[in-house]
Amino acid sequence: MPGRGAACGDPAREDTAVRTPLHPISAAWKGEGLDLTTSNGSVNLEIPKTYNARLETGTVNGGMNIDFPVTVQGFIGRRITTTLGSGGPRVRTVTTNGGVRIRQRLPQG
């Protein structure tokens, strides 16, 4: 059975929580950016709706579901690079065997 993993972080607090019951996930929250990679497991990531970043994501064996509006041009393969908002730090999340789900986190309040 493939592993599943999840990561979340708050850029304002610069913290990251990584959960994975079966397989390791490596995550590095570097200030405002994020670098997350896993080989065998899905990635679920929430990013604040108003966050500005350069998003790089992809999977070899799985689907991609991105809640943010993205603009792509040309061939769409297993990886996507796009700009969220006005652009900014790199948020990279990739997996080999699993899907990628990137959701918008709405402001609380």
PDB file of N, CA and C in Angstrom:
ATOM      1  N   MET A   1       0.853  -1.167   0.000  1.00  0.00           N
ATOM      2  CA  MET A   1       0.000   0.000   0.000  1.00  0.00           C
ATOM      3  C   MET A   1       0.897   1.227   0.000  1.00  0.00           C
ATOM      4  N   PRO A   2       0.631   2.192  -0.913  1.00  0.00           N
ATOM      5  CA  PRO A   2       1.480   3.385  -0.936  1.00  0.00           C
ATOM      6  C   PRO A   2       1.285   4.227   0.307  1.00  0.00           C
ATOM      7  N   GLY A   3       2.345   4.926   0.675  1.00  0.00           N
ATOM      8  CA  GLY A   3       2.263   5.814   1.822  1.00  0.00           C
ATOM      9  C   GLY A   3       1.576   7.116   1.475  1.00  0.00           C
ATOM     10  N   ARG A   4       1.078   7.804   2.475  1.00  0.00           N
ATOM     11  CA  ARG A   4       0.472   9.112   2.290  1.00  0.00           C
ATOM     12  C   ARG A   4       1.174  10.072   3.229  1.00  0.00           C
ATOM     13  N   GLY A   5       1.319  11.291   2.801  1.00  0.00           N
ATOM     14  CA  GLY A   5       1.964  12.278   3.640  1.00  0.00           C
ATOM     15  C   GLY A   5       1.282  13.612   3.502  1.00  0.00           C
ATOM     16  N   ALA A   6       1.496  14.474   4.443  1.00  0.00           N
ATOM     17  CA  ALA A   6       0.936  15.816   4.374  1.00  0.00           C
ATOM     18  C   ALA A   6       1.914  16.785   5.000  1.00  0.00           C
ATOM     19  N   ALA A   7       1.923  17.987   4.498  1.00  0.00           N
ATOM     20  CA  ALA A   7       2.770  19.027   5.073  1.00  0.00           C
ATOM     21  C   ALA A   7       1.988  20.317   5.089  1.00  0.00           C
ATOM     22  N   CYS A   8       2.193  21.097   6.123  1.00  0.00           N
ATOM     23  CA  CYS A   8       1.580  22.415   6.173  1.00  0.00           C
ATOM     24  C   CYS A   8       2.550  23.351   6.852  1.00  0.00           C
ATOM     25  N   GLY A   9       2.483  24.589   6.490  1.00  0.00           N
ATOM     26  CA  GLY A   9       3.364  25.562   7.092  1.00  0.00           C
ATOM     27  C   GLY A   9       2.724  26.923   7.066  1.00  0.00           C
ATOM     28  N   ASP A  10       3.108  27.752   7.966  1.00  0.00           N
ATOM     29  CA  ASP A  10       2.590  29.114   8.029  1.00  0.00           C
ATOM     30  C   ASP A  10       3.755  30.047   7.759  1.00  0.00           C
ATOM     31  N   PRO A  11       3.767  30.699   6.587  1.00  0.00           N
ATOM     32  CA  PRO A  11       4.900  31.560   6.266  1.00  0.00           C
ATOM     33  C   PRO A  11       5.120  32.664   7.283  1.00  0.00           C
ATOM     34  N   ALA A  12       4.069  33.128   7.918  1.00  0.00           N
ATOM     35  CA  ALA A  12       4.238  34.189   8.911  1.00  0.00           C
ATOM     36  C   ALA A  12       4.993  33.686  10.130  1.00  0.00           C
ATOM     37  N   ARG A  13       4.792  32.418  10.501  1.00  0.00           N
ATOM     38  CA  ARG A  13       5.463  31.858  11.670  1.00  0.00           C
ATOM     39  C   ARG A  13       6.672  31.016  11.298  1.00  0.00           C
ATOM     40  N   GLU A  14       6.834  30.744  10.005  1.00  0.00           N
ATOM     41  CA  GLU A  14       7.945  29.933   9.508  1.00  0.00           C
ATOM     42  C   GLU A  14       8.008  28.564  10.167  1.00  0.00           C
ATOM     43  N   ASP A  15       6.828  27.934  10.367  1.00  0.00           N
ATOM     44  CA  ASP A  15       6.844  26.580  10.917  1.00  0.00           C
ATOM     45  C   ASP A  15       6.288  25.611   9.889  1.00  0.00           C
ATOM     46  N   THR A  16       6.682  24.361  10.025  1.00  0.00           N
ATOM     47  CA  THR A  16       6.219  23.321   9.125  1.00  0.00           C
ATOM     48  C   THR A  16       5.895  22.087   9.945  1.00  0.00           C
ATOM     49  N   ALA A  17       4.770  21.474   9.639  1.00  0.00           N
ATOM     50  CA  ALA A  17       4.407  20.203  10.253  1.00  0.00           C
ATOM     51  C   ALA A  17       4.351  19.160   9.158  1.00  0.00           C
ATOM     52  N   VAL A  18       5.035  18.061   9.335  1.00  0.00           N
ATOM     53  CA  VAL A  18       5.057  16.999   8.337  1.00  0.00           C
ATOM     54  C   VAL A  18       4.576  15.722   8.995  1.00  0.00           C
ATOM     55  N   ARG A  19       3.594  15.096   8.364  1.00  0.00           N
ATOM     56  CA  ARG A  19       3.064  13.843   8.881  1.00  0.00           C
ATOM     57  C   ARG A  19       3.155  12.781   7.791  1.00  0.00           C
ATOM     58  N   THR A  20       3.620  11.616   8.158  1.00  0.00           N
ATOM     59  CA  THR A  20       3.656  10.497   7.228  1.00  0.00           C
ATOM     60  C   THR A  20       3.666   9.197   8.010  1.00  0.00           C
ATOM     61  N   PRO A  21       2.642   8.385   7.874  1.00  0.00           N
ATOM     62  CA  PRO A  21       2.593   7.149   8.642  1.00  0.00           C
ATOM     63  C   PRO A  21       3.519   6.054   8.124  1.00  0.00           C
ATOM     64  N   LEU A  22       3.824   6.040   6.812  1.00  0.00           N
ATOM     65  CA  LEU A  22       4.559   4.908   6.270  1.00  0.00           C
ATOM     66  C   LEU A  22       5.903   5.238   5.637  1.00  0.00           C
ATOM     67  N   HIS A  23       6.029   6.406   5.059  1.00  0.00           N
ATOM     68  CA  HIS A  23       7.245   6.717   4.316  1.00  0.00           C
ATOM     69  C   HIS A  23       7.753   8.106   4.674  1.00  0.00           C
ATOM     70  N   PRO A  24       9.067   8.326   4.588  1.00  0.00           N
ATOM     71  CA  PRO A  24       9.613   9.631   4.957  1.00  0.00           C
ATOM     72  C   PRO A  24       9.280  10.713   3.940  1.00  0.00           C
ATOM     73  N   ILE A  25       9.099  11.893   4.436  1.00  0.00           N
ATOM     74  CA  ILE A  25       8.961  13.093   3.617  1.00  0.00           C
ATOM     75  C   ILE A  25      10.045  14.041   4.078  1.00  0.00           C
ATOM     76  N   SER A  26      10.765  14.633   3.131  1.00  0.00           N
ATOM     77  CA  SER A  26      11.744  15.624   3.541  1.00  0.00           C
ATOM     78  C   SER A  26      11.159  16.995   3.244  1.00  0.00           C
ATOM     79  N   ALA A  27      11.186  17.873   4.216  1.00  0.00           N
ATOM     80  CA  ALA A  27      10.653  19.223   4.034  1.00  0.00           C
ATOM     81  C   ALA A  27      11.621  20.211   4.642  1.00  0.00           C
ATOM     82  N   ALA A  28      11.832  21.297   3.944  1.00  0.00           N
ATOM     83  CA  ALA A  28      12.678  22.357   4.469  1.00  0.00           C
ATOM     84  C   ALA A  28      11.930  23.667   4.304  1.00  0.00           C
ATOM     85  N   TRP A  29      11.539  24.260   5.412  1.00  0.00           N
ATOM     86  CA  TRP A  29      10.857  25.557   5.368  1.00  0.00           C
ATOM     87  C   TRP A  29      11.936  26.601   5.517  1.00  0.00           C
ATOM     88  N   LYS A  30      12.267  27.269   4.417  1.00  0.00           N
ATOM     89  CA  LYS A  30      13.365  28.236   4.410  1.00  0.00           C
ATOM     90  C   LYS A  30      12.777  29.626   4.332  1.00  0.00           C
ATOM     91  N   GLY A  31      12.519  30.219   5.497  1.00  0.00           N
ATOM     92  CA  GLY A  31      11.907  31.546   5.516  1.00  0.00           C
ATOM     93  C   GLY A  31      10.533  31.498   4.900  1.00  0.00           C
ATOM     94  N   GLU A  32      10.391  32.121   3.745  1.00  0.00           N
ATOM     95  CA  GLU A  32       9.102  32.173   3.094  1.00  0.00           C
ATOM     96  C   GLU A  32       8.885  31.051   2.103  1.00  0.00           C
ATOM     97  N   GLY A  33       9.918  30.326   1.704  1.00  0.00           N
ATOM     98  CA  GLY A  33       9.790  29.270   0.708  1.00  0.00           C
ATOM     99  C   GLY A  33       9.620  27.908   1.334  1.00  0.00           C
ATOM    100  N   LEU A  34       9.391  26.912   0.493  1.00  0.00           N
ATOM    101  CA  LEU A  34       9.227  25.539   0.963  1.00  0.00           C
ATOM    102  C   LEU A  34       9.783  24.596  -0.077  1.00  0.00           C
ATOM    103  N   ASP A  35      10.486  23.552   0.365  1.00  0.00           N
ATOM    104  CA  ASP A  35      10.973  22.513  -0.524  1.00  0.00           C
ATOM    105  C   ASP A  35      10.571  21.182   0.077  1.00  0.00           C
ATOM    106  N   LEU A  36       9.649  20.470  -0.576  1.00  0.00           N
ATOM    107  CA  LEU A  36       9.100  19.224  -0.059  1.00  0.00           C
ATOM    108  C   LEU A  36       9.211  18.146  -1.120  1.00  0.00           C
ATOM    109  N   THR A  37       9.795  17.007  -0.754  1.00  0.00           N
ATOM    110  CA  THR A  37       9.938  15.895  -1.683  1.00  0.00           C
ATOM    111  C   THR A  37       9.605  14.588  -0.998  1.00  0.00           C
ATOM    112  N   THR A  38       8.934  13.693  -1.725  1.00  0.00           N
ATOM    113  CA  THR A  38       8.698  12.343  -1.243  1.00  0.00           C
ATOM    114  C   THR A  38       8.753  11.400  -2.431  1.00  0.00           C
ATOM    115  N   SER A  39       9.139  10.159  -2.179  1.00  0.00           N
ATOM    116  CA  SER A  39       9.203   9.175  -3.254  1.00  0.00           C
ATOM    117  C   SER A  39       7.930   8.345  -3.341  1.00  0.00           C
ATOM    118  N   ASN A  40       7.410   7.918  -2.219  1.00  0.00           N
ATOM    119  CA  ASN A  40       6.251   7.032  -2.206  1.00  0.00           C
ATOM    120  C   ASN A  40       5.167   7.584  -1.305  1.00  0.00           C
ATOM    121  N   GLY A  41       4.400   8.488  -1.822  1.00  0.00           N
ATOM    122  CA  GLY A  41       3.299   9.035  -1.045  1.00  0.00           C
ATOM    123  C   GLY A  41       2.741  10.273  -1.699  1.00  0.00           C
ATOM    124  N   SER A  42       1.494  10.536  -1.391  1.00  0.00           N
ATOM    125  CA  SER A  42       0.842  11.735  -1.893  1.00  0.00           C
ATOM    126  C   SER A  42       1.273  12.942  -1.087  1.00  0.00           C
ATOM    127  N   VAL A  43       1.159  14.113  -1.688  1.00  0.00           N
ATOM    128  CA  VAL A  43       1.482  15.366  -1.022  1.00  0.00           C
ATOM    129  C   VAL A  43       0.212  16.203  -0.974  1.00  0.00           C
ATOM    130  N   ASN A  44      -0.148  16.678   0.214  1.00  0.00           N
ATOM    131  CA  ASN A  44      -1.274  17.585   0.404  1.00  0.00           C
ATOM    132  C   ASN A  44      -0.725  18.838   1.055  1.00  0.00           C
ATOM    133  N   LEU A  45      -0.872  19.965   0.380  1.00  0.00           N
ATOM    134  CA  LEU A  45      -0.277  21.204   0.852  1.00  0.00           C
ATOM    135  C   LEU A  45      -1.327  22.303   0.828  1.00  0.00           C
ATOM    136  N   GLU A  46      -1.399  23.072   1.909  1.00  0.00           N
ATOM    137  CA  GLU A  46      -2.272  24.241   1.962  1.00  0.00           C
ATOM    138  C   GLU A  46      -1.403  25.493   1.956  1.00  0.00           C
ATOM    139  N   ILE A  47      -1.750  26.420   1.081  1.00  0.00           N
ATOM    140  CA  ILE A  47      -1.024  27.681   0.956  1.00  0.00           C
ATOM    141  C   ILE A  47      -2.034  28.805   1.142  1.00  0.00           C
ATOM    142  N   PRO A  48      -1.713  29.842   1.915  1.00  0.00           N
ATOM    143  CA  PRO A  48      -2.651  30.953   2.071  1.00  0.00           C
ATOM    144  C   PRO A  48      -3.080  31.522   0.715  1.00  0.00           C
ATOM    145  N   LYS A  49      -4.353  31.835   0.598  1.00  0.00           N
ATOM    146  CA  LYS A  49      -4.926  32.305  -0.659  1.00  0.00           C
ATOM    147  C   LYS A  49      -4.197  33.515  -1.225  1.00  0.00           C
ATOM    148  N   THR A  50      -3.717  34.402  -0.363  1.00  0.00           N
ATOM    149  CA  THR A  50      -3.079  35.635  -0.819  1.00  0.00           C
ATOM    150  C   THR A  50      -1.552  35.532  -0.884  1.00  0.00           C
ATOM    151  N   TYR A  51      -1.003  34.336  -0.755  1.00  0.00           N
ATOM    152  CA  TYR A  51       0.443  34.143  -0.739  1.00  0.00           C
ATOM    153  C   TYR A  51       1.027  34.375  -2.132  1.00  0.00           C
ATOM    154  N   ASN A  52       2.142  35.045  -2.212  1.00  0.00           N
ATOM    155  CA  ASN A  52       2.848  35.289  -3.471  1.00  0.00           C
ATOM    156  C   ASN A  52       4.065  34.378  -3.519  1.00  0.00           C
ATOM    157  N   ALA A  53       4.152  33.565  -4.576  1.00  0.00           N
ATOM    158  CA  ALA A  53       5.253  32.610  -4.671  1.00  0.00           C
ATOM    159  C   ALA A  53       5.422  32.136  -6.102  1.00  0.00           C
ATOM    160  N   ARG A  54       6.539  31.468  -6.328  1.00  0.00           N
ATOM    161  CA  ARG A  54       6.752  30.717  -7.561  1.00  0.00           C
ATOM    162  C   ARG A  54       6.508  29.251  -7.201  1.00  0.00           C
ATOM    163  N   LEU A  55       5.464  28.670  -7.763  1.00  0.00           N
ATOM    164  CA  LEU A  55       5.081  27.296  -7.443  1.00  0.00           C
ATOM    165  C   LEU A  55       5.688  26.337  -8.450  1.00  0.00           C
ATOM    166  N   GLU A  56       6.394  25.332  -7.927  1.00  0.00           N
ATOM    167  CA  GLU A  56       6.926  24.252  -8.755  1.00  0.00           C
ATOM    168  C   GLU A  56       6.385  22.960  -8.170  1.00  0.00           C
ATOM    169  N   THR A  57       5.674  22.176  -8.965  1.00  0.00           N
ATOM    170  CA  THR A  57       5.103  20.942  -8.454  1.00  0.00           C
ATOM    171  C   THR A  57       5.081  19.881  -9.542  1.00  0.00           C
ATOM    172  N   GLY A  58       5.007  18.628  -9.114  1.00  0.00           N
ATOM    173  CA  GLY A  58       4.936  17.563 -10.095  1.00  0.00           C
ATOM    174  C   GLY A  58       4.916  16.188  -9.464  1.00  0.00           C
ATOM    175  N   THR A  59       4.571  15.222 -10.294  1.00  0.00           N
ATOM    176  CA  THR A  59       4.546  13.824  -9.900  1.00  0.00           C
ATOM    177  C   THR A  59       4.833  12.974 -11.126  1.00  0.00           C
ATOM    178  N   VAL A  60       5.433  11.810 -10.912  1.00  0.00           N
ATOM    179  CA  VAL A  60       5.688  10.883 -12.010  1.00  0.00           C
ATOM    180  C   VAL A  60       4.488   9.962 -12.185  1.00  0.00           C
ATOM    181  N   ASN A  61       4.001   9.395 -11.087  1.00  0.00           N
ATOM    182  CA  ASN A  61       2.897   8.436 -11.122  1.00  0.00           C
ATOM    183  C   ASN A  61       1.771   8.913 -10.227  1.00  0.00           C
ATOM    184  N   GLY A  62       0.955   9.823 -10.719  1.00  0.00           N
ATOM    185  CA  GLY A  62      -0.165  10.345  -9.946  1.00  0.00           C
ATOM    186  C   GLY A  62      -0.714  11.587 -10.608  1.00  0.00           C
ATOM    187  N   GLY A  63      -1.805  12.081 -10.073  1.00  0.00           N
ATOM    188  CA  GLY A  63      -2.436  13.267 -10.626  1.00  0.00           C
ATOM    189  C   GLY A  63      -2.046  14.515  -9.862  1.00  0.00           C
ATOM    190  N   MET A  64      -2.401  15.660 -10.439  1.00  0.00           N
ATOM    191  CA  MET A  64      -2.159  16.949  -9.793  1.00  0.00           C
ATOM    192  C   MET A  64      -3.483  17.695  -9.702  1.00  0.00           C
ATOM    193  N   ASN A  65      -3.765  18.234  -8.525  1.00  0.00           N
ATOM    194  CA  ASN A  65      -4.968  19.028  -8.307  1.00  0.00           C
ATOM    195  C   ASN A  65      -4.534  20.312  -7.609  1.00  0.00           C
ATOM    196  N   ILE A  66      -4.736  21.442  -8.281  1.00  0.00           N
ATOM    197  CA  ILE A  66      -4.278  22.729  -7.764  1.00  0.00           C
ATOM    198  C   ILE A  66      -5.466  23.673  -7.699  1.00  0.00           C
ATOM    199  N   ASP A  67      -5.791  24.174  -6.506  1.00  0.00           N
ATOM    200  CA  ASP A  67      -6.927  25.074  -6.310  1.00  0.00           C
ATOM    201  C   ASP A  67      -6.670  26.493  -6.814  1.00  0.00           C
ATOM    202  N   PHE A  68      -5.419  26.879  -6.970  1.00  0.00           N
ATOM    203  CA  PHE A  68      -5.084  28.230  -7.420  1.00  0.00           C
ATOM    204  C   PHE A  68      -5.275  28.328  -8.931  1.00  0.00           C
ATOM    205  N   PRO A  69      -5.681  29.502  -9.431  1.00  0.00           N
ATOM    206  CA  PRO A  69      -5.696  29.662 -10.883  1.00  0.00           C
ATOM    207  C   PRO A  69      -4.256  29.665 -11.397  1.00  0.00           C
ATOM    208  N   VAL A  70      -3.999  28.887 -12.429  1.00  0.00           N
ATOM    209  CA  VAL A  70      -2.655  28.821 -12.994  1.00  0.00           C
ATOM    210  C   VAL A  70      -2.724  29.076 -14.494  1.00  0.00           C
ATOM    211  N   THR A  71      -1.681  29.661 -15.019  1.00  0.00           N
ATOM    212  CA  THR A  71      -1.565  29.886 -16.450  1.00  0.00           C
ATOM    213  C   THR A  71      -0.431  29.020 -16.953  1.00  0.00           C
ATOM    214  N   VAL A  72      -0.732  28.206 -17.943  1.00  0.00           N
ATOM    215  CA  VAL A  72       0.297  27.351 -18.542  1.00  0.00           C
ATOM    216  C   VAL A  72       0.274  27.575 -20.044  1.00  0.00           C
ATOM    217  N   GLN A  73       1.418  27.341 -20.666  1.00  0.00           N
ATOM    218  CA  GLN A  73       1.524  27.505 -22.103  1.00  0.00           C
ATOM    219  C   GLN A  73       2.392  26.387 -22.632  1.00  0.00           C
ATOM    220  N   GLY A  74       1.986  25.792 -23.727  1.00  0.00           N
ATOM    221  CA  GLY A  74       2.781  24.738 -24.331  1.00  0.00           C
ATOM    222  C   GLY A  74       2.488  23.376 -23.728  1.00  0.00           C
ATOM    223  N   PHE A  75       3.444  22.493 -23.812  1.00  0.00           N
ATOM    224  CA  PHE A  75       3.301  21.107 -23.357  1.00  0.00           C
ATOM    225  C   PHE A  75       3.146  21.027 -21.843  1.00  0.00           C
ATOM    226  N   ILE A  76       2.163  20.282 -21.397  1.00  0.00           N
ATOM    227  CA  ILE A  76       1.988  20.044 -19.961  1.00  0.00           C
ATOM    228  C   ILE A  76       2.406  18.608 -19.694  1.00  0.00           C
ATOM    229  N   GLY A  77       3.489  18.457 -18.980  1.00  0.00           N
ATOM    230  CA  GLY A  77       4.011  17.133 -18.673  1.00  0.00           C
ATOM    231  C   GLY A  77       3.724  16.753 -17.239  1.00  0.00           C
ATOM    232  N   ARG A  78       4.725  16.249 -16.582  1.00  0.00           N
ATOM    233  CA  ARG A  78       4.577  15.780 -15.199  1.00  0.00           C
ATOM    234  C   ARG A  78       4.923  16.840 -14.171  1.00  0.00           C
ATOM    235  N   ARG A  79       5.389  17.994 -14.627  1.00  0.00           N
ATOM    236  CA  ARG A  79       5.751  19.092 -13.722  1.00  0.00           C
ATOM    237  C   ARG A  79       5.140  20.391 -14.217  1.00  0.00           C
ATOM    238  N   ILE A  80       4.800  21.244 -13.261  1.00  0.00           N
ATOM    239  CA  ILE A  80       4.247  22.556 -13.577  1.00  0.00           C
ATOM    240  C   ILE A  80       5.019  23.594 -12.780  1.00  0.00           C
ATOM    241  N   THR A  81       5.368  24.684 -13.430  1.00  0.00           N
ATOM    242  CA  THR A  81       5.932  25.845 -12.755  1.00  0.00           C
ATOM    243  C   THR A  81       5.044  27.024 -13.112  1.00  0.00           C
ATOM    244  N   THR A  82       4.559  27.735 -12.093  1.00  0.00           N
ATOM    245  CA  THR A  82       3.661  28.857 -12.322  1.00  0.00           C
ATOM    246  C   THR A  82       3.859  29.896 -11.227  1.00  0.00           C
ATOM    247  N   THR A  83       3.247  31.033 -11.398  1.00  0.00           N
ATOM    248  CA  THR A  83       3.343  32.115 -10.432  1.00  0.00           C
ATOM    249  C   THR A  83       2.047  32.218  -9.651  1.00  0.00           C
ATOM    250  N   LEU A  84       2.149  32.264  -8.329  1.00  0.00           N
ATOM    251  CA  LEU A  84       0.997  32.522  -7.471  1.00  0.00           C
ATOM    252  C   LEU A  84       1.029  34.000  -7.101  1.00  0.00           C
ATOM    253  N   GLY A  85      -0.091  34.686  -7.287  1.00  0.00           N
ATOM    254  CA  GLY A  85      -0.144  36.115  -6.974  1.00  0.00           C
ATOM    255  C   GLY A  85       0.861  36.878  -7.821  1.00  0.00           C
ATOM    256  N   SER A  86       1.684  37.684  -7.165  1.00  0.00           N
ATOM    257  CA  SER A  86       2.689  38.472  -7.878  1.00  0.00           C
ATOM    258  C   SER A  86       4.057  37.804  -7.885  1.00  0.00           C
ATOM    259  N   GLY A  87       4.126  36.528  -7.522  1.00  0.00           N
ATOM    260  CA  GLY A  87       5.395  35.808  -7.501  1.00  0.00           C
ATOM    261  C   GLY A  87       6.145  36.061  -6.213  1.00  0.00           C
ATOM    262  N   GLY A  88       7.192  35.322  -6.002  1.00  0.00           N
ATOM    263  CA  GLY A  88       7.972  35.470  -4.780  1.00  0.00           C
ATOM    264  C   GLY A  88       8.831  34.265  -4.545  1.00  0.00           C
ATOM    265  N   PRO A  89       8.975  33.844  -3.270  1.00  0.00           N
ATOM    266  CA  PRO A  89       9.842  32.717  -2.942  1.00  0.00           C
ATOM    267  C   PRO A  89       9.352  31.425  -3.590  1.00  0.00           C
ATOM    268  N   ARG A  90      10.274  30.501  -3.775  1.00  0.00           N
ATOM    269  CA  ARG A  90       9.938  29.221  -4.397  1.00  0.00           C
ATOM    270  C   ARG A  90       9.226  28.313  -3.399  1.00  0.00           C
ATOM    271  N   VAL A  91       8.104  27.764  -3.835  1.00  0.00           N
ATOM    272  CA  VAL A  91       7.409  26.704  -3.113  1.00  0.00           C
ATOM    273  C   VAL A  91       7.446  25.501  -4.039  1.00  0.00           C
ATOM    274  N   ARG A  92       8.246  24.508  -3.660  1.00  0.00           N
ATOM    275  CA  ARG A  92       8.455  23.327  -4.501  1.00  0.00           C
ATOM    276  C   ARG A  92       7.958  22.099  -3.765  1.00  0.00           C
ATOM    277  N   THR A  93       7.082  21.335  -4.408  1.00  0.00           N
ATOM    278  CA  THR A  93       6.598  20.095  -3.822  1.00  0.00           C
ATOM    279  C   THR A  93       6.448  19.053  -4.923  1.00  0.00           C
ATOM    280  N   VAL A  94       7.199  17.964  -4.801  1.00  0.00           N
ATOM    281  CA  VAL A  94       7.180  16.914  -5.814  1.00  0.00           C
ATOM    282  C   VAL A  94       7.142  15.545  -5.158  1.00  0.00           C
ATOM    283  N   THR A  95       6.569  14.597  -5.875  1.00  0.00           N
ATOM    284  CA  THR A  95       6.554  13.214  -5.447  1.00  0.00           C
ATOM    285  C   THR A  95       6.777  12.332  -6.667  1.00  0.00           C
ATOM    286  N   THR A  96       7.177  11.108  -6.433  1.00  0.00           N
ATOM    287  CA  THR A  96       7.364  10.164  -7.525  1.00  0.00           C
ATOM    288  C   THR A  96       6.131   9.277  -7.675  1.00  0.00           C
ATOM    289  N   ASN A  97       5.719   8.624  -6.607  1.00  0.00           N
ATOM    290  CA  ASN A  97       4.591   7.700  -6.650  1.00  0.00           C
ATOM    291  C   ASN A  97       3.473   8.199  -5.748  1.00  0.00           C
ATOM    292  N   GLY A  98       2.639   9.059  -6.276  1.00  0.00           N
ATOM    293  CA  GLY A  98       1.526   9.611  -5.527  1.00  0.00           C
ATOM    294  C   GLY A  98       1.043  10.887  -6.179  1.00  0.00           C
ATOM    295  N   GLY A  99      -0.092  11.347  -5.738  1.00  0.00           N
ATOM    296  CA  GLY A  99      -0.661  12.570  -6.286  1.00  0.00           C
ATOM    297  C   GLY A  99      -0.209  13.802  -5.525  1.00  0.00           C
ATOM    298  N   VAL A 100      -0.470  14.951  -6.124  1.00  0.00           N
ATOM    299  CA  VAL A 100      -0.181  16.237  -5.501  1.00  0.00           C
ATOM    300  C   VAL A 100      -1.488  17.019  -5.418  1.00  0.00           C
ATOM    301  N   ARG A 101      -1.808  17.490  -4.226  1.00  0.00           N
ATOM    302  CA  ARG A 101      -3.004  18.309  -4.006  1.00  0.00           C
ATOM    303  C   ARG A 101      -2.558  19.589  -3.327  1.00  0.00           C
ATOM    304  N   ILE A 102      -2.794  20.733  -3.978  1.00  0.00           N
ATOM    305  CA  ILE A 102      -2.430  22.024  -3.416  1.00  0.00           C
ATOM    306  C   ILE A 102      -3.703  22.826  -3.270  1.00  0.00           C
ATOM    307  N   ARG A 103      -4.044  23.149  -2.023  1.00  0.00           N
ATOM    308  CA  ARG A 103      -5.295  23.841  -1.731  1.00  0.00           C
ATOM    309  C   ARG A 103      -5.021  25.257  -1.255  1.00  0.00           C
ATOM    310  N   GLN A 104      -6.009  26.114  -1.485  1.00  0.00           N
ATOM    311  CA  GLN A 104      -5.957  27.472  -0.958  1.00  0.00           C
ATOM    312  C   GLN A 104      -6.454  27.445   0.470  1.00  0.00           C
ATOM    313  N   ARG A 105      -5.665  28.045   1.369  1.00  0.00           N
ATOM    314  CA  ARG A 105      -6.119  28.201   2.746  1.00  0.00           C
ATOM    315  C   ARG A 105      -6.705  29.592   2.860  1.00  0.00           C
ATOM    316  N   LEU A 106      -7.992  29.645   3.170  1.00  0.00           N
ATOM    317  CA  LEU A 106      -8.681  30.920   3.297  1.00  0.00           C
ATOM    318  C   LEU A 106      -8.314  31.588   4.594  1.00  0.00           C
ATOM    319  N   PRO A 107      -8.310  32.912   4.632  1.00  0.00           N
ATOM    320  CA  PRO A 107      -7.995  33.629   5.879  1.00  0.00           C
ATOM    321  C   PRO A 107      -9.008  33.282   6.953  1.00  0.00           C
ATOM    322  N   GLN A 108      -8.530  33.116   8.168  1.00  0.00           N
ATOM    323  CA  GLN A 108      -9.434  32.849   9.297  1.00  0.00           C
ATOM    324  C   GLN A 108      -9.856  34.157   9.897  1.00  0.00           C
ATOM    325  N   GLY A 109     -11.083  34.173  10.363  1.00  0.00           N
ATOM    326  CA  GLY A 109     -11.507  35.373  11.052  1.00  0.00           C
ATOM    327  C   GLY A 109     -12.837  35.746  10.637  1.00  0.00           C
TER     328      GLY A 109
END
